[in-house]
Amino acid sequence: MNIKDILKYNKIVLGIETSFNDTSSSILKGNKILSNIIYEQNHNKFNGVKPNIAYDLHLKNIYNVVKKSIDESNISKNEIDAISFTKGPGLIGSLMIGEIFSKSLALSLNIPIIGVNHIHAHLLSIYIYNRFKRYPDFPYICLSISGGHTKLFIVKNFFKILEIGTTLDQPLGILYDKTAILLGYKYKNGASIIEKKSKLGNYTYRLPIPKVNGLNFSFSGLMTKIKNIILYNKEYNKNNICRSLQVTVCKILKDKINKAINKYNIRNIVITGGVSSNKFIKENIKINSLKNKYKLFYNYNKNLLKDNAAMIALVGQIKLHYKLYDNYYINSKSILNIENL
């Protein structure tokens, strides 16, 4: 099965995503979105997500979010062919809300239930319909950057995926969120805040580029340097710190992409994950693609870059085609590697 098969595939799948702090529900017909509802929780006052509060809010909102996605898709719930949900990785309490709701609804409708690996969904989300009908051929290298992970993969086909690089400490999204907090901004959407402020600044702080062998990443040294600038320099410029961070991160990401291309001789590159909605990062990688002659792919809709149920429904479509259903004994897991699809 390839993307051409998905385009002419008319099954209807409900996807449910509750891996972290946002509740999302989506209806896909083939690879076309009929609805994609995302309810964003607000944990700003805690400077980080509180798992128990995330659990409570998922429990409170999931029914209305799913109902809204069905209503907006203009279908009856009896037209749904299968339900897919995030089985991990993520916060176990949050995952369980989506799992239990999905199982209950699937059982009541007597339709298949399909568990989906959250990272797997990010890697394949590039195949959700876009108006340009521009999709990568296999194999491709995928850079997935978010608050939960920063990884490089080779995607050989829908189910054969090799991890070739990962962060050795914190994900890139956490670096952005923590920097935003240190500078006195809100916790949520650190990457977009840093991007906005960086437009007003200059590249004046020469931040260190970590010496990490191979295709792995490290961002703790950058975090330490930024902390020291703020602590020991009373006249530091917030906008210049943001600009300097943006420039340094782009150098790191471009270097890893170039090394991956040279090592594996694969010239189709996909970027995904919530941090990839940062336009400065996207534009820098685009320039790098023109310079180094590789094809770059990313979702044009930023709601498909962050955590969303449309990508869960898409993997559900693919698994449904291959009859890769799960039974009702499937359990969510907070830690789940890419081999567990």
C-alpha atoms as a PDB file:
ATOM      1  CA  MET A   1       0.000   0.000   0.000  1.00  0.00           C
ATOM      2  CA  ASN A   2       1.324   3.444  -0.941  1.00  0.00           C
ATOM      3  CA  ILE A   3      -0.040   6.973  -0.887  1.00  0.00           C
ATOM      4  CA  LYS A   4      -1.948   6.396  -4.136  1.00  0.00           C
ATOM      5  CA  ASP A   5      -3.869   3.587  -2.426  1.00  0.00           C
ATOM      6  CA  ILE A   6      -4.756   5.862   0.495  1.00  0.00           C
ATOM      7  CA  LEU A   7      -6.039   8.569  -1.855  1.00  0.00           C
ATOM      8  CA  LYS A   8      -8.649   6.218  -3.294  1.00  0.00           C
ATOM      9  CA  TYR A   9      -9.417   4.529   0.027  1.00  0.00           C
ATOM     10  CA  ASN A  10     -12.875   5.524   1.294  1.00  0.00           C
ATOM     11  CA  LYS A  11     -13.005   4.014   4.777  1.00  0.00           C
ATOM     12  CA  ILE A  12     -13.915   6.371   7.627  1.00  0.00           C
ATOM     13  CA  VAL A  13     -11.739   6.290  10.735  1.00  0.00           C
ATOM     14  CA  LEU A  14     -12.140   8.171  14.015  1.00  0.00           C
ATOM     15  CA  GLY A  15      -8.811   9.045  15.646  1.00  0.00           C
ATOM     16  CA  ILE A  16      -8.398  10.021  19.307  1.00  0.00           C
ATOM     17  CA  GLU A  17      -5.221  11.604  20.708  1.00  0.00           C
ATOM     18  CA  THR A  18      -4.674  12.154  24.464  1.00  0.00           C
ATOM     19  CA  SER A  19      -0.975  11.430  24.941  1.00  0.00           C
ATOM     20  CA  PHE A  20      -0.056  14.602  26.797  1.00  0.00           C
ATOM     21  CA  ASN A  21      -2.072  17.707  27.639  1.00  0.00           C
ATOM     22  CA  ASP A  22      -4.279  18.318  24.597  1.00  0.00           C
ATOM     23  CA  THR A  23      -7.474  16.418  23.789  1.00  0.00           C
ATOM     24  CA  SER A  24      -7.976  15.823  20.076  1.00  0.00           C
ATOM     25  CA  SER A  25     -10.444  13.936  17.903  1.00  0.00           C
ATOM     26  CA  SER A  26     -10.474  13.646  14.115  1.00  0.00           C
ATOM     27  CA  ILE A  27     -12.422  11.977  11.339  1.00  0.00           C
ATOM     28  CA  LEU A  28     -10.577  10.932   8.178  1.00  0.00           C
ATOM     29  CA  LYS A  29     -12.011   9.517   4.973  1.00  0.00           C
ATOM     30  CA  GLY A  30      -9.077   8.004   3.178  1.00  0.00           C
ATOM     31  CA  ASN A  31      -6.365  10.554   3.911  1.00  0.00           C
ATOM     32  CA  LYS A  32      -8.726  13.548   3.765  1.00  0.00           C
ATOM     33  CA  ILE A  33      -9.653  15.349   6.961  1.00  0.00           C
ATOM     34  CA  LEU A  34     -13.371  15.711   7.591  1.00  0.00           C
ATOM     35  CA  SER A  35     -12.734  17.214  11.024  1.00  0.00           C
ATOM     36  CA  ASN A  36      -9.806  17.711  13.382  1.00  0.00           C
ATOM     37  CA  ILE A  37     -10.703  19.145  16.793  1.00  0.00           C
ATOM     38  CA  ILE A  38      -7.955  20.066  19.268  1.00  0.00           C
ATOM     39  CA  TYR A  39      -8.761  21.239  22.790  1.00  0.00           C
ATOM     40  CA  GLU A  40      -5.641  22.845  24.254  1.00  0.00           C
ATOM     41  CA  GLN A  41      -5.194  22.739  28.007  1.00  0.00           C
ATOM     42  CA  ASN A  42      -3.581  25.663  29.813  1.00  0.00           C
ATOM     43  CA  HIS A  43      -0.889  24.835  32.392  1.00  0.00           C
ATOM     44  CA  ASN A  44       0.900  28.202  32.250  1.00  0.00           C
ATOM     45  CA  LYS A  45       0.574  28.947  35.960  1.00  0.00           C
ATOM     46  CA  PHE A  46       2.490  25.751  36.783  1.00  0.00           C
ATOM     47  CA  ASN A  47       5.328  26.400  34.275  1.00  0.00           C
ATOM     48  CA  GLY A  48       4.820  22.828  33.115  1.00  0.00           C
ATOM     49  CA  VAL A  49       2.144  20.206  32.621  1.00  0.00           C
ATOM     50  CA  LYS A  50       0.603  18.761  35.792  1.00  0.00           C
ATOM     51  CA  PRO A  51      -0.248  15.114  34.987  1.00  0.00           C
ATOM     52  CA  ASN A  52      -3.181  14.896  37.414  1.00  0.00           C
ATOM     53  CA  ILE A  53      -4.747  18.080  36.035  1.00  0.00           C
ATOM     54  CA  ALA A  54      -4.161  16.906  32.455  1.00  0.00           C
ATOM     55  CA  TYR A  55      -5.966  13.652  33.353  1.00  0.00           C
ATOM     56  CA  ASP A  56      -8.926  15.497  34.854  1.00  0.00           C
ATOM     57  CA  LEU A  57      -9.270  17.808  31.855  1.00  0.00           C
ATOM     58  CA  HIS A  58      -9.087  14.920  29.376  1.00  0.00           C
ATOM     59  CA  LEU A  59     -11.823  13.173  31.340  1.00  0.00           C
ATOM     60  CA  LYS A  60     -13.920  16.329  31.369  1.00  0.00           C
ATOM     61  CA  ASN A  61     -13.512  17.202  27.684  1.00  0.00           C
ATOM     62  CA  ILE A  62     -13.153  14.004  25.686  1.00  0.00           C
ATOM     63  CA  TYR A  63     -16.870  13.377  25.121  1.00  0.00           C
ATOM     64  CA  ASN A  64     -17.524  16.889  23.801  1.00  0.00           C
ATOM     65  CA  VAL A  65     -14.376  16.889  21.650  1.00  0.00           C
ATOM     66  CA  VAL A  66     -15.267  13.561  20.013  1.00  0.00           C
ATOM     67  CA  LYS A  67     -18.910  14.586  19.553  1.00  0.00           C
ATOM     68  CA  LYS A  68     -17.831  17.855  17.929  1.00  0.00           C
ATOM     69  CA  SER A  69     -15.509  16.039  15.517  1.00  0.00           C
ATOM     70  CA  ILE A  70     -18.324  13.699  14.447  1.00  0.00           C
ATOM     71  CA  ASP A  71     -20.795  16.588  14.096  1.00  0.00           C
ATOM     72  CA  GLU A  72     -18.391  18.714  12.036  1.00  0.00           C
ATOM     73  CA  SER A  73     -17.609  15.813   9.691  1.00  0.00           C
ATOM     74  CA  ASN A  74     -21.307  15.558   8.775  1.00  0.00           C
ATOM     75  CA  ILE A  75     -21.435  11.819   9.290  1.00  0.00           C
ATOM     76  CA  SER A  76     -23.332   9.523  11.598  1.00  0.00           C
ATOM     77  CA  LYS A  77     -21.332   7.605  14.189  1.00  0.00           C
ATOM     78  CA  ASN A  78     -22.682   4.437  12.549  1.00  0.00           C
ATOM     79  CA  GLU A  79     -20.704   5.287   9.392  1.00  0.00           C
ATOM     80  CA  ILE A  80     -17.371   4.996  11.248  1.00  0.00           C
ATOM     81  CA  ASP A  81     -15.430   1.902  10.120  1.00  0.00           C
ATOM     82  CA  ALA A  82     -12.805   1.832  12.893  1.00  0.00           C
ATOM     83  CA  ILE A  83     -11.483   3.786  15.873  1.00  0.00           C
ATOM     84  CA  SER A  84      -7.786   4.430  16.427  1.00  0.00           C
ATOM     85  CA  PHE A  85      -6.267   5.891  19.583  1.00  0.00           C
ATOM     86  CA  THR A  86      -2.829   6.781  20.917  1.00  0.00           C
ATOM     87  CA  LYS A  87      -1.432   3.824  22.892  1.00  0.00           C
ATOM     88  CA  GLY A  88       1.818   5.586  23.838  1.00  0.00           C
ATOM     89  CA  PRO A  89       4.258   7.041  24.556  1.00  0.00           C
ATOM     90  CA  GLY A  90       2.930   9.757  26.852  1.00  0.00           C
ATOM     91  CA  LEU A  91       1.446  10.433  30.279  1.00  0.00           C
ATOM     92  CA  ILE A  92      -0.154   7.163  31.364  1.00  0.00           C
ATOM     93  CA  GLY A  93      -3.225   8.784  32.933  1.00  0.00           C
ATOM     94  CA  SER A  94      -3.888  10.866  29.830  1.00  0.00           C
ATOM     95  CA  LEU A  95      -3.366   7.856  27.568  1.00  0.00           C
ATOM     96  CA  MET A  96      -5.807   5.754  29.556  1.00  0.00           C
ATOM     97  CA  ILE A  97      -8.624   8.274  29.069  1.00  0.00           C
ATOM     98  CA  GLY A  98      -8.317   7.992  25.295  1.00  0.00           C
ATOM     99  CA  GLU A  99      -7.903   4.224  25.457  1.00  0.00           C
ATOM    100  CA  ILE A 100     -10.969   3.573  27.634  1.00  0.00           C
ATOM    101  CA  PHE A 101     -13.181   5.986  25.682  1.00  0.00           C
ATOM    102  CA  SER A 102     -12.082   4.471  22.352  1.00  0.00           C
ATOM    103  CA  LYS A 103     -12.663   0.904  23.505  1.00  0.00           C
ATOM    104  CA  SER A 104     -16.105   1.742  24.871  1.00  0.00           C
ATOM    105  CA  LEU A 105     -17.232   3.499  21.689  1.00  0.00           C
ATOM    106  CA  ALA A 106     -15.784   0.813  19.396  1.00  0.00           C
ATOM    107  CA  LEU A 107     -17.484  -1.906  21.430  1.00  0.00           C
ATOM    108  CA  SER A 108     -20.830  -0.110  21.274  1.00  0.00           C
ATOM    109  CA  LEU A 109     -20.524   0.272  17.477  1.00  0.00           C
ATOM    110  CA  ASN A 110     -19.065  -3.226  16.979  1.00  0.00           C
ATOM    111  CA  ILE A 111     -16.125  -1.928  14.926  1.00  0.00           C
ATOM    112  CA  PRO A 112     -12.343  -2.563  15.082  1.00  0.00           C
ATOM    113  CA  ILE A 113     -10.137  -0.841  17.652  1.00  0.00           C
ATOM    114  CA  ILE A 114      -6.587   0.125  16.618  1.00  0.00           C
ATOM    115  CA  GLY A 115      -3.783   1.295  18.919  1.00  0.00           C
ATOM    116  CA  VAL A 116      -1.302   3.755  17.403  1.00  0.00           C
ATOM    117  CA  ASN A 117       2.247   4.664  18.406  1.00  0.00           C
ATOM    118  CA  HIS A 118       2.300   8.461  18.798  1.00  0.00           C
ATOM    119  CA  ILE A 119       5.748   8.883  17.207  1.00  0.00           C
ATOM    120  CA  HIS A 120       4.795   6.556  14.341  1.00  0.00           C
ATOM    121  CA  ALA A 121       1.861   8.892  13.663  1.00  0.00           C
ATOM    122  CA  HIS A 122       4.130  11.951  13.544  1.00  0.00           C
ATOM    123  CA  LEU A 123       6.399  10.212  11.025  1.00  0.00           C
ATOM    124  CA  LEU A 124       3.526   9.310   8.675  1.00  0.00           C
ATOM    125  CA  SER A 125       1.496  12.503   9.133  1.00  0.00           C
ATOM    126  CA  ILE A 126       3.105  13.861   5.965  1.00  0.00           C
ATOM    127  CA  TYR A 127       0.670  11.631   4.031  1.00  0.00           C
ATOM    128  CA  ILE A 128      -2.414  13.476   5.266  1.00  0.00           C
ATOM    129  CA  TYR A 129      -4.013  15.138   2.254  1.00  0.00           C
ATOM    130  CA  ASN A 130      -2.614  18.504   1.174  1.00  0.00           C
ATOM    131  CA  ARG A 131      -3.848  20.653  -1.704  1.00  0.00           C
ATOM    132  CA  PHE A 132      -0.517  20.362  -3.518  1.00  0.00           C
ATOM    133  CA  LYS A 133      -0.706  16.545  -3.421  1.00  0.00           C
ATOM    134  CA  ARG A 134       2.995  16.537  -2.636  1.00  0.00           C
ATOM    135  CA  TYR A 135       4.137  13.476  -0.706  1.00  0.00           C
ATOM    136  CA  PRO A 136       7.553  11.806  -0.281  1.00  0.00           C
ATOM    137  CA  ASP A 137       8.445   8.458  -1.793  1.00  0.00           C
ATOM    138  CA  PHE A 138       9.989   5.810   0.445  1.00  0.00           C
ATOM    139  CA  PRO A 139      12.564   5.778   1.847  1.00  0.00           C
ATOM    140  CA  TYR A 140      12.857   9.148   3.548  1.00  0.00           C
ATOM    141  CA  ILE A 141      14.715  10.617   6.505  1.00  0.00           C
ATOM    142  CA  CYS A 142      12.412  12.198   9.082  1.00  0.00           C
ATOM    143  CA  LEU A 143      13.457  14.784  11.666  1.00  0.00           C
ATOM    144  CA  SER A 144      10.820  14.860  14.406  1.00  0.00           C
ATOM    145  CA  ILE A 145      11.219  17.744  16.857  1.00  0.00           C
ATOM    146  CA  SER A 146       8.798  18.414  19.692  1.00  0.00           C
ATOM    147  CA  GLY A 147       8.518  18.880  23.440  1.00  0.00           C
ATOM    148  CA  GLY A 148       8.430  15.123  23.922  1.00  0.00           C
ATOM    149  CA  HIS A 149      11.246  13.988  21.654  1.00  0.00           C
ATOM    150  CA  THR A 150      13.941  15.035  19.181  1.00  0.00           C
ATOM    151  CA  LYS A 151      14.825  12.172  16.851  1.00  0.00           C
ATOM    152  CA  LEU A 152      16.005  11.225  13.383  1.00  0.00           C
ATOM    153  CA  PHE A 153      14.525   8.234  11.562  1.00  0.00           C
ATOM    154  CA  ILE A 154      14.766   6.412   8.273  1.00  0.00           C
ATOM    155  CA  VAL A 155      11.230   5.558   7.149  1.00  0.00           C
ATOM    156  CA  LYS A 156      11.601   2.658   4.700  1.00  0.00           C
ATOM    157  CA  ASN A 157       7.883   1.949   4.408  1.00  0.00           C
ATOM    158  CA  PHE A 158       4.750   2.359   6.536  1.00  0.00           C
ATOM    159  CA  PHE A 159       5.931  -0.195   9.082  1.00  0.00           C
ATOM    160  CA  LYS A 160       9.697  -0.480   8.669  1.00  0.00           C
ATOM    161  CA  ILE A 161      11.297   2.417  10.540  1.00  0.00           C
ATOM    162  CA  LEU A 162      14.828   2.783  11.883  1.00  0.00           C
ATOM    163  CA  GLU A 163      15.836   5.291  14.546  1.00  0.00           C
ATOM    164  CA  ILE A 164      19.234   6.757  13.637  1.00  0.00           C
ATOM    165  CA  GLY A 165      19.543   9.628  16.108  1.00  0.00           C
ATOM    166  CA  THR A 166      18.040  10.923  19.349  1.00  0.00           C
ATOM    167  CA  THR A 167      18.624  13.536  22.029  1.00  0.00           C
ATOM    168  CA  LEU A 168      20.967  12.446  24.794  1.00  0.00           C
ATOM    169  CA  ASP A 169      19.300  14.747  27.317  1.00  0.00           C
ATOM    170  CA  GLN A 170      16.304  17.031  26.762  1.00  0.00           C
ATOM    171  CA  PRO A 171      14.122  17.447  23.648  1.00  0.00           C
ATOM    172  CA  LEU A 172      14.355  20.638  21.622  1.00  0.00           C
ATOM    173  CA  GLY A 173      10.837  21.713  22.628  1.00  0.00           C
ATOM    174  CA  ILE A 174      11.820  21.636  26.305  1.00  0.00           C
ATOM    175  CA  LEU A 175      14.833  23.855  25.560  1.00  0.00           C
ATOM    176  CA  TYR A 176      12.500  26.414  23.980  1.00  0.00           C
ATOM    177  CA  ASP A 177       9.929  26.194  26.785  1.00  0.00           C
ATOM    178  CA  LYS A 178      12.549  26.546  29.533  1.00  0.00           C
ATOM    179  CA  THR A 179      14.213  29.461  27.750  1.00  0.00           C
ATOM    180  CA  ALA A 180      10.849  31.214  27.431  1.00  0.00           C
ATOM    181  CA  ILE A 181      10.247  30.765  31.177  1.00  0.00           C
ATOM    182  CA  LEU A 182      13.733  32.065  32.066  1.00  0.00           C
ATOM    183  CA  LEU A 183      13.041  35.160  29.961  1.00  0.00           C
ATOM    184  CA  GLY A 184       9.764  35.733  31.778  1.00  0.00           C
ATOM    185  CA  TYR A 185       7.367  34.518  29.096  1.00  0.00           C
ATOM    186  CA  LYS A 186       4.595  31.922  29.296  1.00  0.00           C
ATOM    187  CA  TYR A 187       5.371  28.219  29.483  1.00  0.00           C
ATOM    188  CA  LYS A 188       3.247  26.987  26.584  1.00  0.00           C
ATOM    189  CA  ASN A 189       4.441  27.274  22.972  1.00  0.00           C
ATOM    190  CA  GLY A 190       7.970  28.308  23.842  1.00  0.00           C
ATOM    191  CA  ALA A 191       9.135  27.792  20.248  1.00  0.00           C
ATOM    192  CA  SER A 192       6.569  30.231  18.847  1.00  0.00           C
ATOM    193  CA  ILE A 193       7.337  32.807  21.566  1.00  0.00           C
ATOM    194  CA  ILE A 194      11.080  32.579  20.920  1.00  0.00           C
ATOM    195  CA  GLU A 195      10.457  32.856  17.181  1.00  0.00           C
ATOM    196  CA  LYS A 196       8.326  35.985  17.593  1.00  0.00           C
ATOM    197  CA  LYS A 197      10.843  37.725  19.865  1.00  0.00           C
ATOM    198  CA  SER A 198      13.818  36.685  17.732  1.00  0.00           C
ATOM    199  CA  LYS A 199      12.529  38.811  14.846  1.00  0.00           C
ATOM    200  CA  LEU A 200      13.304  41.877  16.985  1.00  0.00           C
ATOM    201  CA  GLY A 201      16.800  40.731  17.945  1.00  0.00           C
ATOM    202  CA  ASN A 202      20.288  40.170  16.557  1.00  0.00           C
ATOM    203  CA  TYR A 203      22.687  37.242  16.629  1.00  0.00           C
ATOM    204  CA  THR A 204      24.966  38.661  19.327  1.00  0.00           C
ATOM    205  CA  TYR A 205      25.460  35.721  21.708  1.00  0.00           C
ATOM    206  CA  ARG A 206      27.709  32.958  20.393  1.00  0.00           C
ATOM    207  CA  LEU A 207      26.032  29.941  21.958  1.00  0.00           C
ATOM    208  CA  PRO A 208      27.923  26.617  22.035  1.00  0.00           C
ATOM    209  CA  ILE A 209      27.249  23.920  19.462  1.00  0.00           C
ATOM    210  CA  PRO A 210      27.416  20.582  21.321  1.00  0.00           C
ATOM    211  CA  LYS A 211      30.121  18.169  20.193  1.00  0.00           C
ATOM    212  CA  VAL A 212      27.976  15.054  19.874  1.00  0.00           C
ATOM    213  CA  ASN A 213      29.207  12.240  17.684  1.00  0.00           C
ATOM    214  CA  GLY A 214      27.058  10.725  14.967  1.00  0.00           C
ATOM    215  CA  LEU A 215      23.449  11.771  14.534  1.00  0.00           C
ATOM    216  CA  ASN A 216      22.511  12.258  18.182  1.00  0.00           C
ATOM    217  CA  PHE A 217      21.601  15.598  19.759  1.00  0.00           C
ATOM    218  CA  SER A 218      22.317  17.373  23.039  1.00  0.00           C
ATOM    219  CA  PHE A 219      20.717  20.602  24.242  1.00  0.00           C
ATOM    220  CA  SER A 220      21.638  20.739  27.946  1.00  0.00           C
ATOM    221  CA  GLY A 221      24.817  22.736  27.241  1.00  0.00           C
ATOM    222  CA  LEU A 222      22.802  25.360  25.376  1.00  0.00           C
ATOM    223  CA  MET A 223      20.400  25.566  28.307  1.00  0.00           C
ATOM    224  CA  THR A 224      23.262  26.069  30.767  1.00  0.00           C
ATOM    225  CA  LYS A 225      24.817  28.811  28.636  1.00  0.00           C
ATOM    226  CA  ILE A 226      21.520  30.707  28.380  1.00  0.00           C
ATOM    227  CA  LYS A 227      21.001  30.419  32.148  1.00  0.00           C
ATOM    228  CA  ASN A 228      24.481  31.842  32.767  1.00  0.00           C
ATOM    229  CA  ILE A 229      23.898  34.763  30.398  1.00  0.00           C
ATOM    230  CA  ILE A 230      20.706  35.658  32.275  1.00  0.00           C
ATOM    231  CA  LEU A 231      22.174  35.138  35.767  1.00  0.00           C
ATOM    232  CA  TYR A 232      25.503  36.892  35.301  1.00  0.00           C
ATOM    233  CA  ASN A 233      24.713  39.610  32.777  1.00  0.00           C
ATOM    234  CA  LYS A 234      22.352  42.278  34.152  1.00  0.00           C
ATOM    235  CA  GLU A 235      22.084  44.007  30.796  1.00  0.00           C
ATOM    236  CA  TYR A 236      21.259  40.980  28.684  1.00  0.00           C
ATOM    237  CA  ASN A 237      18.936  41.529  25.725  1.00  0.00           C
ATOM    238  CA  LYS A 238      15.966  39.127  25.594  1.00  0.00           C
ATOM    239  CA  ASN A 239      15.387  39.494  21.864  1.00  0.00           C
ATOM    240  CA  ASN A 240      19.058  38.921  21.089  1.00  0.00           C
ATOM    241  CA  ILE A 241      19.059  35.744  23.202  1.00  0.00           C
ATOM    242  CA  CYS A 242      16.036  34.505  21.238  1.00  0.00           C
ATOM    243  CA  ARG A 243      17.699  35.291  17.911  1.00  0.00           C
ATOM    244  CA  SER A 244      20.962  33.672  18.947  1.00  0.00           C
ATOM    245  CA  LEU A 245      19.137  30.539  20.093  1.00  0.00           C
ATOM    246  CA  GLN A 246      17.262  30.294  16.794  1.00  0.00           C
ATOM    247  CA  VAL A 247      20.442  30.612  14.737  1.00  0.00           C
ATOM    248  CA  THR A 248      22.327  28.068  16.855  1.00  0.00           C
ATOM    249  CA  VAL A 249      19.514  25.497  16.796  1.00  0.00           C
ATOM    250  CA  CYS A 250      19.290  25.790  13.008  1.00  0.00           C
ATOM    251  CA  LYS A 251      23.030  25.161  12.676  1.00  0.00           C
ATOM    252  CA  ILE A 252      22.669  21.993  14.750  1.00  0.00           C
ATOM    253  CA  LEU A 253      19.636  20.672  12.860  1.00  0.00           C
ATOM    254  CA  LYS A 254      21.079  21.394   9.408  1.00  0.00           C
ATOM    255  CA  ASP A 255      24.351  19.716  10.347  1.00  0.00           C
ATOM    256  CA  LYS A 256      22.565  16.525  11.482  1.00  0.00           C
ATOM    257  CA  ILE A 257      20.375  16.426   8.372  1.00  0.00           C
ATOM    258  CA  ASN A 258      23.405  16.842   6.105  1.00  0.00           C
ATOM    259  CA  LYS A 259      25.294  14.092   7.950  1.00  0.00           C
ATOM    260  CA  ALA A 260      22.295  11.736   7.689  1.00  0.00           C
ATOM    261  CA  ILE A 261      22.014  12.370   3.939  1.00  0.00           C
ATOM    262  CA  ASN A 262      25.716  11.730   3.395  1.00  0.00           C
ATOM    263  CA  LYS A 263      25.687   8.571   5.499  1.00  0.00           C
ATOM    264  CA  TYR A 264      22.549   6.937   4.077  1.00  0.00           C
ATOM    265  CA  ASN A 265      22.335   8.556   0.624  1.00  0.00           C
ATOM    266  CA  ILE A 266      18.635   9.329   1.045  1.00  0.00           C
ATOM    267  CA  ARG A 267      17.548  12.683  -0.357  1.00  0.00           C
ATOM    268  CA  ASN A 268      13.894  12.839   0.683  1.00  0.00           C
ATOM    269  CA  ILE A 269      13.686  14.710   4.005  1.00  0.00           C
ATOM    270  CA  VAL A 270      10.579  15.207   6.167  1.00  0.00           C
ATOM    271  CA  ILE A 271      10.368  17.507   9.195  1.00  0.00           C
ATOM    272  CA  THR A 272       7.531  17.145  11.685  1.00  0.00           C
ATOM    273  CA  GLY A 273       6.623  17.687  15.338  1.00  0.00           C
ATOM    274  CA  GLY A 274       5.368  20.796  17.118  1.00  0.00           C
ATOM    275  CA  VAL A 275       8.700  22.677  17.024  1.00  0.00           C
ATOM    276  CA  SER A 276       8.818  22.384  13.222  1.00  0.00           C
ATOM    277  CA  SER A 277       5.993  24.949  13.051  1.00  0.00           C
ATOM    278  CA  ASN A 278       8.715  27.484  13.942  1.00  0.00           C
ATOM    279  CA  LYS A 279       9.011  29.354  10.605  1.00  0.00           C
ATOM    280  CA  PHE A 280      12.624  30.379  11.160  1.00  0.00           C
ATOM    281  CA  ILE A 281      13.653  26.731  11.519  1.00  0.00           C
ATOM    282  CA  LYS A 282      11.559  25.700   8.538  1.00  0.00           C
ATOM    283  CA  GLU A 283      12.941  28.431   6.273  1.00  0.00           C
ATOM    284  CA  ASN A 284      16.544  27.696   7.251  1.00  0.00           C
ATOM    285  CA  ILE A 285      16.124  23.997   6.495  1.00  0.00           C
ATOM    286  CA  LYS A 286      14.432  24.914   3.208  1.00  0.00           C
ATOM    287  CA  ILE A 287      17.451  27.038   2.221  1.00  0.00           C
ATOM    288  CA  ASN A 288      19.708  24.154   3.245  1.00  0.00           C
ATOM    289  CA  SER A 289      17.689  21.788   1.013  1.00  0.00           C
ATOM    290  CA  LEU A 290      18.222  24.035  -2.023  1.00  0.00           C
ATOM    291  CA  LYS A 291      21.925  24.366  -1.273  1.00  0.00           C
ATOM    292  CA  ASN A 292      22.457  20.635  -0.771  1.00  0.00           C
ATOM    293  CA  LYS A 293      19.953  19.461  -3.391  1.00  0.00           C
ATOM    294  CA  TYR A 294      17.525  17.359  -1.378  1.00  0.00           C
ATOM    295  CA  LYS A 295      13.721  17.310  -1.405  1.00  0.00           C
ATOM    296  CA  LEU A 296      12.086  18.757   1.705  1.00  0.00           C
ATOM    297  CA  PHE A 297       8.563  17.878   2.839  1.00  0.00           C
ATOM    298  CA  TYR A 298       6.467  19.204   5.721  1.00  0.00           C
ATOM    299  CA  ASN A 299       2.812  19.752   6.544  1.00  0.00           C
ATOM    300  CA  TYR A 300       1.565  23.190   5.526  1.00  0.00           C
ATOM    301  CA  ASN A 301      -1.127  23.132   8.222  1.00  0.00           C
ATOM    302  CA  LYS A 302       0.572  23.809  11.574  1.00  0.00           C
ATOM    303  CA  ASN A 303      -2.185  21.901  13.401  1.00  0.00           C
ATOM    304  CA  LEU A 304      -0.829  18.764  11.725  1.00  0.00           C
ATOM    305  CA  LEU A 305       2.670  19.405  13.091  1.00  0.00           C
ATOM    306  CA  LYS A 306       1.715  19.463  16.754  1.00  0.00           C
ATOM    307  CA  ASP A 307      -0.099  16.663  18.585  1.00  0.00           C
ATOM    308  CA  ASN A 308      -3.370  15.987  16.763  1.00  0.00           C
ATOM    309  CA  ALA A 309      -5.829  13.174  16.163  1.00  0.00           C
ATOM    310  CA  ALA A 310      -5.722  13.391  12.353  1.00  0.00           C
ATOM    311  CA  MET A 311      -2.321  11.695  12.332  1.00  0.00           C
ATOM    312  CA  ILE A 312      -3.677   8.982  14.657  1.00  0.00           C
ATOM    313  CA  ALA A 313      -6.612   8.430  12.294  1.00  0.00           C
ATOM    314  CA  LEU A 314      -4.241   8.224   9.300  1.00  0.00           C
ATOM    315  CA  VAL A 315      -2.219   5.396  10.851  1.00  0.00           C
ATOM    316  CA  GLY A 316      -5.559   3.817  11.753  1.00  0.00           C
ATOM    317  CA  GLN A 317      -6.477   3.920   8.047  1.00  0.00           C
ATOM    318  CA  ILE A 318      -3.253   2.193   7.057  1.00  0.00           C
ATOM    319  CA  LYS A 319      -3.575  -0.482   9.747  1.00  0.00           C
ATOM    320  CA  LEU A 320      -7.234  -1.008   8.850  1.00  0.00           C
ATOM    321  CA  HIS A 321      -6.220  -1.720   5.252  1.00  0.00           C
ATOM    322  CA  TYR A 322      -3.838  -4.434   6.451  1.00  0.00           C
ATOM    323  CA  LYS A 323      -6.368  -5.717   9.020  1.00  0.00           C
ATOM    324  CA  LEU A 324      -3.938  -4.919  11.851  1.00  0.00           C
ATOM    325  CA  TYR A 325      -6.619  -4.606  14.506  1.00  0.00           C
ATOM    326  CA  ASP A 326      -6.097  -4.830  18.236  1.00  0.00           C
ATOM    327  CA  ASN A 327      -8.162  -6.707  20.788  1.00  0.00           C
ATOM    328  CA  TYR A 328      -9.692  -5.157  23.870  1.00  0.00           C
ATOM    329  CA  TYR A 329      -6.797  -6.342  26.048  1.00  0.00           C
ATOM    330  CA  ILE A 330      -4.446  -3.762  24.528  1.00  0.00           C
ATOM    331  CA  ASN A 331      -3.000  -1.443  27.190  1.00  0.00           C
ATOM    332  CA  SER A 332      -1.457   1.996  26.836  1.00  0.00           C
ATOM    333  CA  LYS A 333       2.200   2.422  27.783  1.00  0.00           C
ATOM    334  CA  SER A 334       3.974   5.582  28.886  1.00  0.00           C
ATOM    335  CA  ILE A 335       7.230   4.360  27.299  1.00  0.00           C
ATOM    336  CA  LEU A 336       6.929   2.939  23.805  1.00  0.00           C
ATOM    337  CA  ASN A 337       9.719   2.697  21.255  1.00  0.00           C
ATOM    338  CA  ILE A 338       9.342   2.873  17.493  1.00  0.00           C
ATOM    339  CA  GLU A 339       9.670  -0.918  17.145  1.00  0.00           C
ATOM    340  CA  ASN A 340       6.320  -1.300  18.917  1.00  0.00           C
ATOM    341  CA  LEU A 341       3.914  -0.245  16.166  1.00  0.00           C
END
